[in-house]
Protein backbone atom coordinates (compact mmCIF):
# COMPACT_ATOMS: atom_id res chain seq x y z
CA MET A 1 28.19 32.86 50.54
CA SER A 2 26.42 33.92 53.42
CA ALA A 3 24.35 37.66 53.13
CA THR A 4 27.36 39.05 55.03
CA GLY A 5 30.31 37.93 53.13
CA ALA A 6 28.77 38.89 50.00
CA ARG A 7 27.58 42.21 51.33
CA ARG A 8 31.35 42.49 52.29
CA ARG A 9 32.64 41.08 49.02
CA ARG A 10 30.46 43.90 47.25
CA LEU A 11 32.39 46.46 49.61
CA TRP A 12 35.37 45.49 48.28
CA GLN A 13 34.63 45.91 44.72
CA ALA A 14 32.78 49.14 45.49
CA VAL A 15 36.57 50.56 47.07
CA LEU A 16 38.44 48.61 44.22
CA ILE A 17 36.20 50.50 41.39
CA ALA A 18 36.44 53.80 43.24
CA ALA A 19 40.23 53.56 43.30
CA ALA A 20 40.26 52.51 39.55
CA VAL A 21 38.29 55.43 38.84
CA CYS A 22 40.33 57.70 40.32
CA ALA A 23 43.66 56.11 38.65
CA LEU A 24 41.94 57.12 35.35
CA CYS A 25 41.30 60.54 36.30
CA PRO A 26 44.79 62.15 36.32
CA ALA A 27 43.55 65.69 36.86
CA THR A 28 41.58 64.78 40.34
CA LEU A 29 44.85 62.78 41.65
CA ARG A 30 47.02 66.10 40.25
CA ALA A 31 45.00 68.70 42.20
CA GLN A 32 45.25 66.26 45.32
CA ASP A 33 49.02 66.46 45.02
CA PRO A 34 50.42 70.09 44.34
CA ARG A 35 54.01 69.44 43.50
CA PRO A 36 54.89 70.50 39.62
CA PRO A 37 56.08 68.39 37.61
CA ALA A 38 59.59 68.67 36.60
CA ARG A 39 60.25 70.94 33.59
CA ASP A 40 62.45 68.71 31.77
CA THR A 41 59.81 65.70 31.76
CA LEU A 42 56.97 67.78 30.32
CA ALA A 43 55.59 66.71 27.16
CA ALA A 44 55.15 69.42 24.23
CA ASP A 45 51.55 71.65 25.28
CA THR A 46 49.84 73.56 22.60
CA LEU A 47 47.69 75.77 24.99
CA PRO A 48 49.17 78.86 26.50
CA GLN A 49 51.42 78.59 29.23
CA VAL A 50 50.31 80.62 32.39
CA GLU A 51 53.15 81.12 34.91
CA GLU A 52 52.31 80.20 38.12
CA PRO A 53 54.70 80.28 40.98
CA ASP A 54 56.64 77.13 42.44
CA THR A 55 55.11 75.18 44.91
CA VAL A 56 57.95 75.23 48.02
CA VAL A 57 57.32 72.15 50.19
CA PRO A 58 59.62 72.54 53.08
CA PRO A 59 61.30 69.91 54.27
CA ALA A 60 60.29 68.09 57.47
CA VAL A 61 62.58 67.82 60.70
CA VAL A 62 63.51 64.11 60.16
CA PHE A 63 64.39 61.93 63.55
CA PRO A 64 68.12 60.84 62.92
CA ALA A 65 68.30 57.59 60.85
CA MET A 66 70.70 55.25 62.48
CA ALA A 67 73.65 54.40 59.82
CA LEU A 68 73.21 50.56 58.03
CA GLY A 69 76.25 50.93 56.11
CA PRO A 70 76.40 49.35 52.17
CA ALA A 71 73.02 48.24 50.78
CA VAL A 72 74.44 45.27 48.37
CA SER A 73 77.26 43.16 48.09
CA ALA A 74 78.51 40.61 45.42
CA ALA A 75 78.95 38.16 47.76
CA GLY A 76 74.79 38.23 47.75
CA THR A 77 74.60 39.00 51.62
CA GLU A 78 72.42 41.72 51.61
CA TRP A 79 69.07 41.61 49.95
CA VAL A 80 67.42 45.23 50.02
CA TRP A 81 63.74 46.52 49.52
CA ASP A 82 63.63 50.92 50.07
CA ARG A 83 60.43 52.22 49.32
CA GLU A 84 60.15 52.67 46.27
CA ARG A 85 60.97 48.90 45.27
CA LEU A 86 58.01 47.85 48.28
CA LEU A 87 55.38 50.28 46.26
CA ARG A 88 56.72 48.28 42.98
CA GLU A 89 55.90 45.39 44.70
CA ALA A 90 52.81 43.58 46.33
CA PRO A 91 53.49 41.15 48.65
CA ILE A 92 51.12 40.11 51.50
CA SER A 93 53.36 38.31 53.79
CA LEU A 94 57.00 39.07 54.54
CA ILE A 95 57.80 36.00 52.97
CA ASP A 96 56.54 36.93 49.52
CA LEU A 97 59.75 38.65 49.15
CA LEU A 98 62.18 36.23 51.74
CA GLU A 99 61.43 33.72 48.46
CA ARG A 100 62.99 35.35 45.86
CA ILE A 101 66.11 35.52 47.59
CA PRO A 102 68.50 32.73 46.61
CA ALA A 103 69.18 29.89 48.92
CA ILE A 104 65.81 30.85 50.99
CA THR A 105 63.50 28.78 51.48
CA THR A 106 59.81 29.47 52.17
CA PHE A 107 56.87 27.03 54.19
CA ARG A 108 53.50 28.27 54.21
CA ALA A 109 51.00 26.35 56.81
CA GLY A 110 48.14 26.85 54.06
CA THR A 111 47.10 29.84 51.91
CA PHE A 112 46.66 33.67 53.44
CA VAL A 113 47.48 34.17 57.48
CA GLN A 114 48.70 30.79 58.42
CA PRO A 115 51.71 29.60 59.76
CA GLU A 116 54.65 31.00 57.53
CA VAL A 117 58.35 30.60 58.25
CA ALA A 118 61.90 30.85 55.68
CA SER A 119 64.71 29.14 56.11
CA ALA A 120 68.25 30.51 54.99
CA PHE A 121 71.06 27.30 54.35
CA GLY A 122 68.58 24.82 56.80
CA GLY A 123 68.54 27.31 59.41
CA THR A 124 65.72 26.38 61.65
CA ALA A 125 64.94 27.55 65.38
CA GLY A 126 67.28 30.28 66.21
CA ARG A 127 69.03 30.67 63.37
CA THR A 128 66.17 33.58 61.91
CA GLU A 129 66.14 37.25 63.87
CA VAL A 130 63.77 39.91 62.85
CA VAL A 131 64.83 43.31 64.33
CA LEU A 132 62.33 46.32 63.60
CA ASP A 133 63.84 49.78 64.08
CA GLY A 134 66.80 48.08 66.37
CA TYR A 135 64.30 45.92 68.61
CA VAL A 136 64.28 42.65 68.07
CA LEU A 137 60.68 41.05 67.88
CA ASP A 138 61.54 38.07 69.80
CA PRO A 139 59.06 34.89 69.72
CA LEU A 140 57.08 34.37 72.80
CA ALA A 141 54.95 31.68 71.85
CA THR A 142 56.99 29.35 69.99
CA ALA A 143 60.46 29.09 69.19
CA THR A 144 60.83 30.93 65.84
CA LEU A 145 58.05 33.55 65.17
CA ASP A 146 55.53 33.41 63.03
CA LEU A 147 56.36 35.62 59.74
CA SER A 148 52.52 35.69 58.45
CA GLN A 149 51.93 38.35 62.14
CA ILE A 150 54.31 41.01 60.68
CA PRO A 151 52.83 43.67 58.93
CA LEU A 152 54.33 45.46 55.89
CA GLY A 153 52.03 48.48 55.44
CA GLN A 154 54.20 51.05 58.12
CA LEU A 155 57.69 49.23 55.87
CA ARG A 156 59.66 52.07 54.28
CA GLU A 157 62.70 49.06 53.98
CA VAL A 158 62.97 45.22 54.57
CA ARG A 159 67.08 44.49 54.48
CA VAL A 160 67.39 41.04 54.48
CA GLN A 161 70.87 40.20 55.56
CA ARG A 162 71.32 36.07 54.18
CA ARG A 163 74.46 34.09 56.14
CA LEU A 164 75.49 31.26 56.67
CA GLY A 165 74.81 31.18 60.31
CA LEU A 166 71.44 33.32 60.41
CA LEU A 167 68.95 34.91 58.45
CA ARG A 168 68.59 38.44 59.55
CA ILE A 169 65.52 40.33 58.71
CA LEU A 170 66.09 44.35 59.03
CA LEU A 171 62.46 46.29 58.85
CA SER A 172 62.77 49.84 59.06
CA THR A 173 59.35 51.75 59.43
CA ASP A 174 58.22 54.66 57.57
CA ALA A 175 58.01 58.53 58.43
CA PRO A 176 57.98 61.81 56.89
CA VAL A 177 60.54 63.05 54.55
CA GLU A 178 58.58 66.31 53.39
CA GLY A 179 57.04 69.20 55.03
CA ARG A 180 53.34 67.89 54.22
CA PRO A 181 51.43 64.73 55.28
CA TYR A 182 51.56 61.89 53.43
CA THR A 183 48.86 59.32 52.79
CA ARG A 184 49.16 55.55 51.35
CA VAL A 185 46.28 53.19 51.15
CA GLU A 186 46.75 49.74 49.77
CA ALA A 187 43.20 47.65 49.40
CA GLY A 188 43.12 44.20 47.34
CA LEU A 189 40.56 40.93 47.54
CA GLY A 190 42.19 37.01 46.89
CA ILE A 191 41.51 33.84 45.97
CA PRO A 192 40.58 31.52 48.05
CA GLU A 193 38.17 34.38 50.16
CA ALA A 194 40.74 37.10 50.69
CA ASN A 195 40.27 40.61 51.49
CA LEU A 196 43.57 43.16 52.68
CA PHE A 197 43.45 46.76 53.95
CA ARG A 198 46.53 48.57 54.80
CA GLY A 199 46.54 52.28 55.49
CA GLN A 200 49.43 54.85 56.53
CA PHE A 201 49.65 58.50 57.43
CA LEU A 202 52.50 60.21 58.09
CA VAL A 203 52.34 63.94 59.56
CA PRO A 204 55.47 66.18 59.45
CA ASP A 205 54.57 68.05 63.09
CA VAL A 206 52.41 67.23 65.65
CA ILE A 207 52.66 69.22 69.03
CA VAL A 208 56.67 68.83 68.62
CA GLY A 209 57.87 66.35 66.22
CA PRO A 210 56.68 63.70 63.55
CA LEU A 211 53.87 61.45 63.63
CA ALA A 212 53.42 58.63 61.59
CA LEU A 213 49.78 56.29 61.79
CA GLY A 214 49.33 52.86 60.24
CA ILE A 215 46.53 49.92 60.11
CA GLU A 216 46.66 46.53 58.76
CA ARG A 217 44.01 43.56 58.18
CA ILE A 218 44.01 40.78 56.76
CA ASP A 219 40.68 38.29 56.60
CA ALA A 220 41.14 35.12 54.83
CA ASP A 221 39.04 31.73 54.65
CA GLY A 222 41.99 29.75 53.90
CA THR A 223 42.34 26.79 52.24
CA GLY A 224 39.17 25.32 51.27
CA ARG A 225 37.19 27.98 52.31
CA SER A 226 37.15 26.47 55.63
CA GLU A 227 39.52 27.67 57.46
CA PRO A 228 38.94 31.48 58.44
CA ALA A 229 41.29 33.82 59.99
CA GLY A 230 42.13 37.10 60.40
CA LEU A 231 44.75 39.25 60.85
CA PHE A 232 44.40 43.36 62.58
CA SER A 233 47.75 45.55 63.21
CA GLY A 234 47.51 48.84 64.49
CA TRP A 235 51.25 51.01 64.71
CA ALA A 236 52.06 54.40 65.58
CA LYS A 237 55.36 56.27 66.02
CA TRP A 238 55.86 59.65 67.72
CA ALA A 239 59.06 62.01 68.29
CA TRP A 240 60.66 65.09 69.64
CA THR A 241 63.08 66.04 67.67
CA ASP A 242 65.41 68.70 66.01
CA GLY A 243 67.19 66.32 63.40
CA GLU A 244 70.17 65.77 65.74
CA ARG A 245 69.06 63.96 68.58
CA GLY A 246 65.55 63.40 70.07
CA LEU A 247 63.07 61.16 72.25
CA GLN A 248 60.63 58.54 70.22
CA LEU A 249 57.71 56.32 71.25
CA GLU A 250 56.81 54.05 69.04
CA TRP A 251 53.75 51.78 69.45
CA LEU A 252 52.79 47.70 67.56
CA ARG A 253 49.67 45.59 68.18
CA ASN A 254 48.68 42.42 65.98
CA SER A 255 45.69 40.70 66.79
CA LEU A 256 45.30 37.50 65.01
CA ARG A 257 42.41 34.88 65.32
CA ARG A 258 42.09 31.41 63.30
CA GLU A 259 38.39 30.20 63.47
CA PRO A 260 37.62 26.78 65.35
CA SER A 261 37.86 24.87 62.08
CA SER A 262 41.19 26.19 61.48
CA PRO A 263 44.15 23.44 63.01
CA TRP A 264 45.89 26.49 64.27
CA LEU A 265 42.92 27.54 66.37
CA VAL A 266 44.71 30.75 68.05
CA ASP A 267 43.21 33.54 69.49
CA ARG A 268 46.42 35.68 70.11
CA VAL A 269 47.34 39.71 71.32
CA ARG A 270 50.86 40.90 70.42
CA GLN A 271 52.24 44.33 71.38
CA HIS A 272 55.00 46.30 71.42
CA PHE A 273 55.81 49.79 73.20
CA ILE A 274 59.33 50.67 72.63
CA LEU A 275 60.80 54.53 73.86
CA ARG A 276 64.30 55.36 72.24
CA ALA A 277 66.45 58.19 72.46
CA ARG A 278 68.69 58.90 69.61
CA ASN A 279 71.33 61.43 68.90
CA ARG A 280 73.87 62.18 66.33
CA PHE A 281 77.10 62.64 67.09
CA ALA A 282 78.53 63.66 64.29
CA PRO A 283 78.02 62.78 60.40
CA GLY A 284 77.56 59.53 59.78
CA TRP A 285 77.70 58.42 63.82
CA VAL A 286 74.76 57.84 65.22
CA ALA A 287 73.53 55.93 68.97
CA GLU A 288 70.56 55.65 70.95
CA ALA A 289 69.37 54.31 74.07
CA TYR A 290 66.23 52.46 73.78
CA VAL A 291 63.46 50.30 76.42
CA GLY A 292 60.96 48.42 74.85
CA ARG A 293 58.09 46.26 76.73
CA SER A 294 56.53 42.94 74.62
CA THR A 295 53.33 41.29 75.91
CA LEU A 296 51.29 37.81 74.56
CA ASP A 297 47.84 36.99 75.39
CA GLU A 298 46.88 33.82 73.89
CA THR A 299 43.81 31.98 74.12
CA ILE A 300 43.63 28.34 72.62
CA PRO A 301 39.85 27.60 72.31
CA PRO A 302 38.99 23.98 73.28
CA PRO A 303 38.12 21.97 70.09
CA ASP A 304 35.36 20.55 72.16
CA ASP A 305 33.05 20.52 75.24
CA THR A 306 35.26 17.96 76.48
CA THR A 307 38.52 20.26 76.55
CA ALA A 308 39.43 23.00 79.19
CA GLU A 309 40.39 26.55 77.65
CA ARG A 310 44.23 27.31 77.39
CA ARG A 311 45.35 30.69 77.92
CA ILE A 312 49.05 32.00 78.18
CA GLU A 313 50.24 35.84 79.22
CA ARG A 314 53.72 36.49 78.89
CA GLU A 315 56.23 39.50 78.84
CA SER A 316 59.33 40.33 77.76
CA VAL A 317 61.58 43.85 78.73
CA GLN A 318 64.12 44.58 76.14
CA ALA A 319 66.56 47.46 76.92
CA GLY A 320 69.72 48.38 74.79
CA LEU A 321 72.45 50.58 73.32
CA ARG A 322 73.00 50.83 69.37
CA ALA A 323 75.28 52.59 67.28
CA GLY A 324 76.10 53.08 63.78
CA LEU A 325 79.34 54.42 62.04
CA GLU A 326 79.00 55.54 58.75
CA LEU A 327 82.41 56.81 56.36
CA PRO A 328 83.63 56.61 52.76
CA ALA A 329 85.31 53.21 53.11
CA THR A 330 84.41 52.09 56.58
CA ALA A 331 80.57 51.14 57.75
CA ILE A 332 80.42 49.12 61.50
CA THR A 333 77.57 48.74 63.53
CA ALA A 334 76.96 47.55 67.61
CA SER A 335 74.38 46.90 69.63
CA LEU A 336 73.95 45.66 73.35
CA ARG A 337 70.57 44.02 74.47
CA TYR A 338 69.03 43.11 77.81
CA ARG A 339 65.98 41.02 78.30
CA ASN A 340 64.49 39.32 81.28
CA GLU A 341 62.54 36.64 80.07
CA GLY A 342 64.61 33.61 81.16
CA ARG A 343 63.97 31.86 77.79
CA LEU A 344 65.53 33.91 75.96
CA PRO A 345 69.58 35.99 76.11
CA ALA A 346 69.74 38.10 79.31
CA LEU A 347 72.79 39.78 77.66
CA GLU A 348 73.66 40.30 73.92
CA GLY A 349 76.09 42.00 72.31
CA VAL A 350 76.90 42.33 68.30
CA LEU A 351 79.35 43.84 66.37
CA ASP A 352 79.58 44.27 62.86
CA GLY A 353 81.41 45.39 59.95
CA ASP A 354 82.84 46.43 56.59
CA VAL A 355 86.21 48.04 55.65
CA ARG A 356 86.94 48.74 52.21
CA LEU A 357 90.09 49.07 51.08
CA GLY A 358 90.78 49.28 47.08
CA PRO A 359 89.39 46.57 45.39
CA LEU A 360 89.64 44.42 48.24
CA ARG A 361 86.20 44.34 50.62
CA ILE A 362 85.90 42.56 54.05
CA GLY A 363 83.49 41.97 56.87
CA ALA A 364 83.03 40.62 60.17
CA GLU A 365 80.30 39.62 62.54
CA LEU A 366 81.47 38.98 65.99
CA GLY A 367 78.39 38.10 68.66
CA ALA A 368 78.05 36.37 71.97
CA ALA A 369 75.14 36.25 74.52
CA ARG A 370 74.15 34.76 77.94
CA TRP A 371 71.31 33.28 79.60
CA ASN A 372 70.97 33.23 83.47
CA ASP A 373 72.61 30.63 85.00
CA LEU A 374 73.57 28.89 81.86
CA ASP A 375 77.13 29.03 80.35
CA PRO A 376 77.77 31.88 77.63
CA ILE A 377 77.70 31.21 73.61
CA SER A 378 79.39 33.10 70.88
CA TRP A 379 79.28 33.12 67.23
CA LEU A 380 81.84 34.30 64.33
CA SER A 381 81.32 35.21 60.62
CA LEU A 382 83.75 36.48 58.30
CA ARG A 383 83.19 38.03 54.92
CA GLY A 384 85.16 39.02 52.01
CA GLU A 385 85.37 40.39 48.26
CA ILE A 386 88.39 41.30 46.03
CA GLY A 387 88.14 42.46 42.11
CA ARG A 388 86.95 43.32 39.65
CA LEU A 389 89.16 42.06 37.26
CA LEU A 390 87.63 42.89 33.18
CA GLY A 391 84.23 42.51 35.88
CA LEU A 392 85.28 39.73 37.76
CA ALA A 393 85.59 39.48 41.53
CA ALA A 394 86.32 36.39 44.20
CA PHE A 395 84.06 36.18 47.13
CA GLY A 396 84.28 34.18 50.55
CA GLU A 397 82.16 33.42 53.80
CA LEU A 398 83.00 31.74 56.85
CA THR A 399 80.77 31.30 59.83
CA SER A 400 81.58 29.29 63.40
CA GLY A 401 79.42 29.50 66.53
CA SER A 402 76.66 28.73 68.65
CA ARG A 403 73.01 29.92 68.32
CA GLY A 404 70.02 29.51 70.45
CA ALA A 405 66.21 29.28 70.66
CA PRO A 406 63.89 29.42 73.66
CA LEU A 407 61.30 26.29 73.99
CA PHE A 408 58.12 27.20 75.61
CA ALA A 409 56.73 24.17 77.45
CA ASP A 410 56.80 22.08 74.40
CA ALA A 411 57.70 18.64 73.72
CA ALA A 412 61.26 18.87 74.68
CA GLY A 413 60.71 20.81 77.26
CA ASP A 414 60.75 24.75 78.76
CA GLY A 415 63.94 26.68 78.69
CA VAL A 416 66.81 26.83 75.55
CA VAL A 417 68.18 24.60 72.79
CA PHE A 418 71.45 25.39 71.50
CA THR A 419 73.15 24.91 67.57
CA ASP A 420 76.68 24.71 66.69
CA ARG A 421 77.32 25.14 63.28
CA THR A 422 80.50 25.63 61.06
CA GLY A 423 80.47 26.45 57.37
CA TRP A 424 82.45 28.29 54.47
CA ARG A 425 80.87 29.75 50.97
CA GLY A 426 83.16 30.49 48.38
CA GLY A 427 82.73 31.34 44.62
CA LEU A 428 83.28 34.07 42.03
CA SER A 429 80.85 36.72 40.24
CA LEU A 430 80.64 38.59 37.19
CA ASP A 431 79.29 41.94 36.51
CA LEU A 432 79.76 43.16 32.64
CA GLY A 433 76.70 45.75 33.18
CA ARG A 434 74.27 43.93 31.07
CA ALA A 435 74.96 40.60 32.49
CA SER A 436 75.79 39.66 36.23
CA GLY A 437 75.77 36.69 38.24
CA SER A 438 77.75 34.32 40.59
CA ILE A 439 78.32 30.50 41.68
CA ALA A 440 79.65 29.56 44.66
CA TYR A 441 80.60 26.12 46.77
CA VAL A 442 78.87 25.99 50.06
CA ARG A 443 79.70 23.35 52.77
CA LEU A 444 77.93 23.52 56.54
CA GLU A 445 78.78 21.22 59.63
CA GLN A 446 75.79 20.95 62.24
CA GLU A 447 75.05 17.97 65.35
CA ALA A 448 72.10 17.86 64.24
CA ALA A 449 69.06 19.38 62.65
CA ILE A 450 66.00 20.76 64.92
CA PRO A 451 62.77 21.90 64.00
CA PHE A 452 61.33 25.35 63.75
CA GLY A 453 58.98 24.84 67.13
CA LEU A 454 55.90 26.22 65.39
CA PRO A 455 52.18 24.79 65.95
CA PHE A 456 53.23 22.44 62.22
CA ASP A 457 56.62 21.56 63.79
CA THR A 458 56.41 21.04 67.68
CA MET A 459 60.18 20.58 69.20
CA GLY A 460 60.86 16.99 69.05
CA LEU A 461 63.76 15.48 69.16
CA PRO A 462 67.38 16.60 66.88
CA SER A 463 68.47 14.84 63.83
CA PRO A 464 71.91 13.71 63.61
CA THR A 465 73.36 15.25 60.44
CA SER A 466 76.18 14.68 58.17
CA PRO A 467 78.33 17.47 56.40
CA ALA A 468 75.95 18.78 53.56
CA THR A 469 77.72 20.48 50.71
CA GLY A 470 75.92 22.57 47.55
CA ILE A 471 76.33 24.57 45.03
CA GLU A 472 74.26 27.89 44.33
CA ALA A 473 74.47 30.55 41.47
CA HIS A 474 72.37 33.37 40.56
CA GLY A 475 72.48 36.00 37.75
CA ARG A 476 71.09 38.25 35.45
CA ILE A 477 70.75 39.06 31.87
CA VAL A 478 69.27 42.42 29.92
CA ILE A 479 67.39 41.62 27.01
CA TRP A 480 66.16 44.59 25.95
CA PRO A 481 67.71 47.48 27.86
CA ASP A 482 64.58 49.54 29.83
CA TYR A 483 62.21 47.36 29.28
CA LEU A 484 63.24 43.22 29.27
CA SER A 485 65.40 41.06 31.29
CA LEU A 486 65.97 37.19 32.76
CA SER A 487 66.99 36.18 36.12
CA SER A 488 67.25 32.61 37.38
CA TRP A 489 68.71 31.28 40.87
CA ILE A 490 69.45 27.62 41.48
CA THR A 491 70.29 25.88 44.58
CA ASP A 492 72.17 21.94 44.51
CA TRP A 493 72.64 19.97 47.64
CA ARG A 494 74.86 17.42 46.72
CA GLU A 495 75.14 16.04 50.19
CA ALA A 496 73.03 16.69 53.24
CA ASP A 497 71.88 13.70 54.93
CA GLY A 498 69.61 14.26 58.26
CA TRP A 499 69.39 17.78 57.53
CA THR A 500 65.62 18.79 57.59
CA TRP A 501 63.90 21.79 55.66
CA LEU A 502 67.08 21.99 53.12
CA PRO A 503 65.26 20.71 49.89
CA SER A 504 67.30 18.93 47.67
CA ARG A 505 67.45 21.13 44.99
CA SER A 506 65.40 24.21 44.23
CA TRP A 507 65.49 26.88 41.14
CA ARG A 508 63.11 30.04 40.26
CA THR A 509 63.28 32.03 36.83
CA ALA A 510 61.69 34.86 35.81
CA LEU A 511 61.10 36.90 32.82
CA GLU A 512 60.66 41.08 34.02
CA LEU A 513 59.63 43.64 32.15
CA HIS A 514 59.88 47.71 33.47
CA ALA A 515 58.81 50.12 31.12
CA LEU A 516 58.08 53.52 31.32
CA PRO A 517 56.69 54.25 27.69
CA LEU A 518 55.92 58.24 28.56
CA PRO A 519 58.08 60.92 28.03
CA SER A 520 56.57 62.24 31.52
CA GLY A 521 57.14 58.99 33.44
CA ASN A 522 53.21 59.05 34.25
CA LEU A 523 52.95 55.30 33.44
CA GLU A 524 54.87 52.35 34.27
CA ILE A 525 54.32 48.36 33.53
CA LEU A 526 56.02 46.35 35.89
CA GLY A 527 55.37 42.27 34.97
CA ARG A 528 56.61 39.30 35.61
CA ALA A 529 56.61 35.72 34.89
CA GLU A 530 58.21 32.96 36.65
CA ALA A 531 58.59 29.65 37.44
CA HIS A 532 59.55 27.82 40.76
CA MET A 533 60.93 24.31 41.85
CA ARG A 534 61.26 23.23 45.34
CA GLY A 535 62.85 19.51 45.61
CA SER A 536 62.32 16.90 47.68
CA THR A 537 62.41 18.16 51.38
CA LEU A 538 62.95 15.75 54.62
CA ALA A 539 60.75 17.02 57.35
CA PHE A 540 59.90 16.09 60.79
CA ASP A 541 56.80 13.93 61.37
CA PRO A 542 53.90 15.44 63.40
CA ALA A 543 52.93 12.07 64.25
CA PRO A 544 55.55 9.47 63.79
CA ALA A 545 54.97 5.86 64.66
CA ALA A 546 56.39 3.79 67.28
CA GLY A 547 60.03 2.86 66.06
CA SER A 548 60.45 5.42 62.94
CA THR A 549 62.67 7.63 62.59
CA GLY A 550 60.51 10.64 63.00
CA LEU A 551 60.98 12.38 59.68
CA LEU A 552 59.29 11.91 56.25
CA THR A 553 60.51 13.16 52.72
CA LEU A 554 57.87 15.99 51.18
CA PRO A 555 57.34 15.41 47.53
CA SER A 556 59.14 18.54 45.00
CA PHE A 557 56.75 20.48 43.40
CA THR A 558 56.92 23.16 40.38
CA THR A 559 54.95 26.26 40.39
CA ALA A 560 54.46 28.67 37.76
CA ASP A 561 53.46 32.40 38.85
CA ALA A 562 53.14 35.71 37.04
CA TYR A 563 52.91 39.57 38.54
CA LEU A 564 51.55 42.95 37.31
CA GLN A 565 51.54 46.24 38.08
CA ILE A 566 50.33 49.27 36.33
CA ARG A 567 51.32 52.48 38.22
CA ILE A 568 49.47 55.80 36.28
CA ILE A 569 50.52 58.73 38.19
CA ASP A 570 50.53 57.64 41.72
CA VAL A 571 48.03 55.36 41.69
CA ARG A 572 49.17 51.17 40.94
CA MET A 573 46.77 48.53 40.00
CA PHE A 574 48.40 45.23 40.76
CA ILE A 575 47.46 41.55 40.44
CA ARG A 576 49.46 38.64 41.96
CA TRP A 577 48.67 35.05 40.34
CA GLU A 578 50.56 32.07 41.86
CA ASP A 579 50.27 28.44 41.07
CA ILE A 580 48.55 29.27 37.45
CA LEU A 581 48.98 25.45 37.10
CA GLY A 582 47.17 24.44 39.84
CA PRO A 583 48.93 21.05 41.48
CA ASP A 584 48.73 19.55 44.39
CA ILE A 585 51.24 21.30 46.79
CA GLU A 586 52.35 19.70 50.03
CA GLU A 587 54.82 22.38 51.79
CA LEU A 588 54.02 20.66 55.25
CA PRO A 589 53.72 17.42 56.29
CA GLY A 590 50.18 16.27 55.93
CA ARG A 591 49.00 19.94 54.22
CA VAL A 592 48.19 19.79 50.83
CA TYR A 593 46.47 22.35 48.65
CA ARG A 594 45.67 23.06 45.43
CA GLY A 595 46.36 26.62 43.57
CA PRO A 596 46.13 28.98 42.09
CA ARG A 597 46.26 31.61 44.27
CA LEU A 598 45.23 34.62 43.64
CA PHE A 599 45.49 38.36 44.36
CA TYR A 600 44.34 41.85 43.07
CA GLY A 601 43.99 45.25 44.21
CA VAL A 602 45.20 49.03 44.45
CA LYS A 603 47.12 50.86 46.07
CA TRP A 604 47.84 55.04 46.02
CA GLN A 605 49.91 57.29 47.50
CA LEU A 606 49.32 61.52 47.90
CA PHE A 607 50.22 64.22 49.42
CA ASN A 608 47.77 66.28 51.69
């Protein structure tokens, strides 16, 4: 290790040691947080009590939130991590959360800050959508957005809609919720050589409204410590609001650099500027108009002196209208978007809603999109659930329609590629309190499988497919109330000829511990030990031989992972240990690496 690397590592170790010292000094932390503990959670105290006036914290004037509807259904179509659940986890990238959802397969191109992608039910380009506060983060360099470039430090909620036709990831950024400043910091070290820093600062009132700031930095040496890369993100959000209406300006900047020894050599800057006006017309009814500009500045340095440097500059303007209505038995969201980038839909509209009538719940999504000079496409998704009788419910989902993905002068040309898909899913769920689970049969039809269009999987010739049929199941049982539980899920595709990026079988089983051993609740222990198997997976060959099918089969692998977090008041110390057994893993063609993959650190929050 170089002297500079050694100094950097010692600096990060000093930060972690200082944070750990703070964690063991609760009196200091209590002085930073003037909130008095609740009376019914105080432990017995033998010292004389001194009456002190209660600290009254004024509420913050909050920018009106969009109605998002109910969070989770028994059909397993939505999964949510709110602020508290995100604090309990320690994800380094977004796929650390997505891999925990049944029927979602994640793919890493290495260790940290290398290309990453997720697939639901074999969906590839055009079938993953990432939405930040209502603004779609469109891919401007590839057909699919690289999920490793999405910062997590500024998020308040991650909502994943796992549907047969689309994987939609809804990201909500944080905002002040109390009338005093809020700070959250996270720092960590990784093996192979990596370091992480995240910081967030929320102020309830600056000039005329709330201000939120955040930064995130990840540096890593990569697989075999020979693929250095770094990611830096900055984020700011400021609003004028009276709580019922307001204007908000949001800015997000990502700077990514992969060094010359990396196989995905790139120097990229993405920026998003978003201005929105929002109004609450009635309780549960909120609408907004927004306009944003996304830019991409990408430089691909030459790997040697004989190759010229390649420079890409792109921009896209996105404008739209959104509305959300949330009533006791109904939740409806609607959006209409315009884009000026020719490879993205010029107009796109989506109407999504749920209705609950006693034991019956019905949901539907209807969408349509049109590109300039191209015929419009549309899609329909229906879902329903009825029950419960003795804890038993039946559910179903149906999808049909087309989706489009942009092509940016790759192997398949420059324009748009479309895929048509139909499918259905039906099954039963059971909820007995301490035990719950579901099982479902799935059938999908798609004319051809296409690549993601990321650097490891450029757009090539589509692969013809036959109908895919399979079974998915997941369940959870509480072994020891308030302490120990066991959860598991499995997907098994009986027929999936020609389907790429769809493992023949995959499963994950986790034993989880969650304990609050002190009456005050100031100590929390969260632990998880799990095993994960991904079966053989058909993939596109990055270097196909003449006359070949252009496909290859990735071998199956099984990994063992562990996670531990200890919270003392508002300080959390965590460790993630993945690939404990250290097998050779080939998640992508030609990308073989060996574990373990370790990350440990500390994060804390305080009110100033």
